Amino acid sequence: MNLATPYRFDHRGRTAESDDAGYVRDLIEAVLFTAPGERVMRPDFGSGVAQLVFAPNSPELAGVTQMLVQGALTQFLSDWIVVREVKVDANDAVLRVTVAYSLRGSNQVQIAGFERGGSP
């Protein structure tokens, strides 16, 4: 078992744990929505994709963003996953990122969707 990310307590008042699949999904989300420079001891960590919520949409920007995300995931999580595909969609103030990946040592493809922005 792994510590749940972000750190929190479970219903027993103990540190929450997560299985490998949940832990990896949380790690992917951390890489996606952490801006480079945001972490003091790891200034290169993150993809900075959250900054694109209000950027103008274009096919070129979407392509560059997909490559940026795939590169960041490969750089920081290559010990855990193999990235199969990344899709990025920005509509109005909502950013949706879909990542198809498989855990290392497994050929089973998993798909995780993440969303940021929009109304609270």
C-alpha atoms as a PDB file:
ATOM      1  CA  MET A   1       0.000   0.000   0.000  1.00  0.00           C
ATOM      2  CA  ASN A   2       1.016   3.606  -0.608  1.00  0.00           C
ATOM      3  CA  LEU A   3       0.218   6.835   1.191  1.00  0.00           C
ATOM      4  CA  ALA A   4      -2.785   8.542  -0.354  1.00  0.00           C
ATOM      5  CA  THR A   5      -1.995  11.674  -2.304  1.00  0.00           C
ATOM      6  CA  PRO A   6      -2.757  14.374  -1.292  1.00  0.00           C
ATOM      7  CA  TYR A   7      -2.047  13.453   2.310  1.00  0.00           C
ATOM      8  CA  ARG A   8      -5.216  12.945   4.330  1.00  0.00           C
ATOM      9  CA  PHE A   9      -6.746  10.848   7.094  1.00  0.00           C
ATOM     10  CA  ASP A  10      -9.085   7.906   6.592  1.00  0.00           C
ATOM     11  CA  HIS A  11     -12.324   7.146   8.453  1.00  0.00           C
ATOM     12  CA  ARG A  12     -10.309   5.611  11.316  1.00  0.00           C
ATOM     13  CA  GLY A  13      -8.270   8.771  11.839  1.00  0.00           C
ATOM     14  CA  ARG A  14      -5.134   7.144  10.440  1.00  0.00           C
ATOM     15  CA  THR A  15      -3.058   8.122   7.448  1.00  0.00           C
ATOM     16  CA  ALA A  16      -5.052   7.197   4.351  1.00  0.00           C
ATOM     17  CA  GLU A  17      -3.571   4.552   2.069  1.00  0.00           C
ATOM     18  CA  SER A  18      -4.061   3.896  -1.609  1.00  0.00           C
ATOM     19  CA  ASP A  19      -3.552   0.873  -3.834  1.00  0.00           C
ATOM     20  CA  ASP A  20      -1.056   1.076  -6.703  1.00  0.00           C
ATOM     21  CA  ALA A  21      -3.662   2.056  -9.311  1.00  0.00           C
ATOM     22  CA  GLY A  22      -5.085   4.878  -7.186  1.00  0.00           C
ATOM     23  CA  TYR A  23      -1.634   6.040  -6.170  1.00  0.00           C
ATOM     24  CA  VAL A  24      -0.459   6.239  -9.785  1.00  0.00           C
ATOM     25  CA  ARG A  25      -3.605   8.146 -10.790  1.00  0.00           C
ATOM     26  CA  ASP A  26      -2.901  10.652  -8.000  1.00  0.00           C
ATOM     27  CA  LEU A  27       0.712  10.970  -9.164  1.00  0.00           C
ATOM     28  CA  ILE A  28      -0.435  11.665 -12.729  1.00  0.00           C
ATOM     29  CA  GLU A  29      -2.746  14.389 -11.462  1.00  0.00           C
ATOM     30  CA  ALA A  30       0.106  15.915  -9.444  1.00  0.00           C
ATOM     31  CA  VAL A  31       2.373  16.028 -12.500  1.00  0.00           C
ATOM     32  CA  LEU A  32      -0.365  17.520 -14.688  1.00  0.00           C
ATOM     33  CA  PHE A  33      -1.474  20.321 -12.417  1.00  0.00           C
ATOM     34  CA  THR A  34       1.783  21.297 -10.716  1.00  0.00           C
ATOM     35  CA  ALA A  35       3.496  24.263 -12.319  1.00  0.00           C
ATOM     36  CA  PRO A  36       7.269  24.044 -12.774  1.00  0.00           C
ATOM     37  CA  GLY A  37       8.866  26.015  -9.940  1.00  0.00           C
ATOM     38  CA  GLU A  38       5.960  25.366  -7.577  1.00  0.00           C
ATOM     39  CA  ARG A  39       7.802  22.730  -5.536  1.00  0.00           C
ATOM     40  CA  VAL A  40      10.737  24.145  -3.615  1.00  0.00           C
ATOM     41  CA  MET A  41      13.016  21.096  -3.639  1.00  0.00           C
ATOM     42  CA  ARG A  42      11.987  19.992  -7.149  1.00  0.00           C
ATOM     43  CA  PRO A  43      11.710  23.144  -9.260  1.00  0.00           C
ATOM     44  CA  ASP A  44      11.548  21.196 -12.536  1.00  0.00           C
ATOM     45  CA  PHE A  45       8.617  19.000 -11.409  1.00  0.00           C
ATOM     46  CA  GLY A  46       5.276  19.403 -13.183  1.00  0.00           C
ATOM     47  CA  SER A  47       3.897  20.130 -16.615  1.00  0.00           C
ATOM     48  CA  GLY A  48       2.363  23.580 -16.214  1.00  0.00           C
ATOM     49  CA  VAL A  49      -0.707  22.505 -18.157  1.00  0.00           C
ATOM     50  CA  ALA A  50      -3.065  24.283 -15.729  1.00  0.00           C
ATOM     51  CA  GLN A  51      -1.774  27.614 -17.040  1.00  0.00           C
ATOM     52  CA  LEU A  52      -3.338  26.795 -20.404  1.00  0.00           C
ATOM     53  CA  VAL A  53      -6.928  27.020 -19.154  1.00  0.00           C
ATOM     54  CA  PHE A  54      -7.230  30.587 -20.410  1.00  0.00           C
ATOM     55  CA  ALA A  55      -4.886  30.307 -23.413  1.00  0.00           C
ATOM     56  CA  PRO A  56      -6.404  30.724 -26.879  1.00  0.00           C
ATOM     57  CA  ASN A  57      -7.315  27.424 -28.499  1.00  0.00           C
ATOM     58  CA  SER A  58      -5.702  26.246 -31.698  1.00  0.00           C
ATOM     59  CA  PRO A  59      -4.727  22.888 -33.210  1.00  0.00           C
ATOM     60  CA  GLU A  60      -1.066  23.847 -32.846  1.00  0.00           C
ATOM     61  CA  LEU A  61      -1.429  24.643 -29.143  1.00  0.00           C
ATOM     62  CA  ALA A  62      -3.305  21.386 -28.559  1.00  0.00           C
ATOM     63  CA  GLY A  63      -0.515  19.413 -30.235  1.00  0.00           C
ATOM     64  CA  VAL A  64       2.226  21.151 -28.278  1.00  0.00           C
ATOM     65  CA  THR A  65       0.294  20.681 -25.033  1.00  0.00           C
ATOM     66  CA  GLN A  66      -0.137  16.962 -25.677  1.00  0.00           C
ATOM     67  CA  MET A  67       3.590  16.580 -26.243  1.00  0.00           C
ATOM     68  CA  LEU A  68       4.365  18.668 -23.138  1.00  0.00           C
ATOM     69  CA  VAL A  69       2.114  16.506 -20.977  1.00  0.00           C
ATOM     70  CA  GLN A  70       3.407  13.238 -22.412  1.00  0.00           C
ATOM     71  CA  GLY A  71       6.994  14.380 -21.885  1.00  0.00           C
ATOM     72  CA  ALA A  72       6.372  15.418 -18.273  1.00  0.00           C
ATOM     73  CA  LEU A  73       4.601  12.148 -17.454  1.00  0.00           C
ATOM     74  CA  THR A  74       7.388  10.134 -19.048  1.00  0.00           C
ATOM     75  CA  GLN A  75      10.071  12.142 -17.260  1.00  0.00           C
ATOM     76  CA  PHE A  76       8.612  11.938 -13.769  1.00  0.00           C
ATOM     77  CA  LEU A  77       6.609   8.694 -13.775  1.00  0.00           C
ATOM     78  CA  SER A  78       8.513   6.373 -16.121  1.00  0.00           C
ATOM     79  CA  ASP A  79       9.270   4.043 -13.189  1.00  0.00           C
ATOM     80  CA  TRP A  80       5.520   3.563 -12.682  1.00  0.00           C
ATOM     81  CA  ILE A  81       3.802   3.876 -16.071  1.00  0.00           C
ATOM     82  CA  VAL A  82       4.080   3.679 -19.830  1.00  0.00           C
ATOM     83  CA  VAL A  83       2.147   6.551 -21.422  1.00  0.00           C
ATOM     84  CA  ARG A  84       0.079   5.317 -24.370  1.00  0.00           C
ATOM     85  CA  GLU A  85      -1.849   8.443 -25.362  1.00  0.00           C
ATOM     86  CA  VAL A  86      -2.636  11.937 -24.128  1.00  0.00           C
ATOM     87  CA  LYS A  87      -5.598  14.073 -25.192  1.00  0.00           C
ATOM     88  CA  VAL A  88      -5.996  17.684 -24.148  1.00  0.00           C
ATOM     89  CA  ASP A  89      -9.195  19.663 -24.649  1.00  0.00           C
ATOM     90  CA  ALA A  90      -9.687  23.262 -23.538  1.00  0.00           C
ATOM     91  CA  ASN A  91     -13.184  24.720 -23.857  1.00  0.00           C
ATOM     92  CA  ASP A  92     -13.918  28.118 -22.373  1.00  0.00           C
ATOM     93  CA  ALA A  93     -12.394  28.003 -18.877  1.00  0.00           C
ATOM     94  CA  VAL A  94     -12.354  24.200 -18.534  1.00  0.00           C
ATOM     95  CA  LEU A  95      -9.288  22.105 -19.271  1.00  0.00           C
ATOM     96  CA  ARG A  96      -9.755  18.349 -19.755  1.00  0.00           C
ATOM     97  CA  VAL A  97      -6.807  15.983 -19.984  1.00  0.00           C
ATOM     98  CA  THR A  98      -7.263  12.295 -20.757  1.00  0.00           C
ATOM     99  CA  VAL A  99      -4.306   9.980 -20.276  1.00  0.00           C
ATOM    100  CA  ALA A 100      -4.155   6.381 -21.494  1.00  0.00           C
ATOM    101  CA  TYR A 101      -1.403   4.480 -19.734  1.00  0.00           C
ATOM    102  CA  SER A 102      -0.397   1.094 -18.439  1.00  0.00           C
ATOM    103  CA  LEU A 103       1.384   0.252 -15.223  1.00  0.00           C
ATOM    104  CA  ARG A 104       4.947  -0.993 -15.652  1.00  0.00           C
ATOM    105  CA  GLY A 105       4.913  -4.767 -16.057  1.00  0.00           C
ATOM    106  CA  SER A 106       1.309  -4.788 -17.270  1.00  0.00           C
ATOM    107  CA  ASN A 107      -0.159  -4.473 -20.738  1.00  0.00           C
ATOM    108  CA  GLN A 108      -3.586  -3.495 -19.421  1.00  0.00           C
ATOM    109  CA  VAL A 109      -4.353   0.030 -20.607  1.00  0.00           C
ATOM    110  CA  GLN A 110      -6.033   2.322 -18.107  1.00  0.00           C
ATOM    111  CA  ILE A 111      -7.668   5.628 -18.944  1.00  0.00           C
ATOM    112  CA  ALA A 112      -7.819   8.503 -16.495  1.00  0.00           C
ATOM    113  CA  GLY A 113      -9.557  11.821 -17.059  1.00  0.00           C
ATOM    114  CA  PHE A 114      -8.715  15.047 -15.246  1.00  0.00           C
ATOM    115  CA  GLU A 115     -10.487  18.383 -15.318  1.00  0.00           C
ATOM    116  CA  ARG A 116      -9.637  21.855 -14.024  1.00  0.00           C
ATOM    117  CA  GLY A 117     -11.334  25.210 -14.265  1.00  0.00           C
ATOM    118  CA  GLY A 118     -14.964  26.106 -14.752  1.00  0.00           C
ATOM    119  CA  SER A 119     -17.319  27.425 -12.134  1.00  0.00           C
ATOM    120  CA  PRO A 120     -16.855  26.294  -8.507  1.00  0.00           C
END
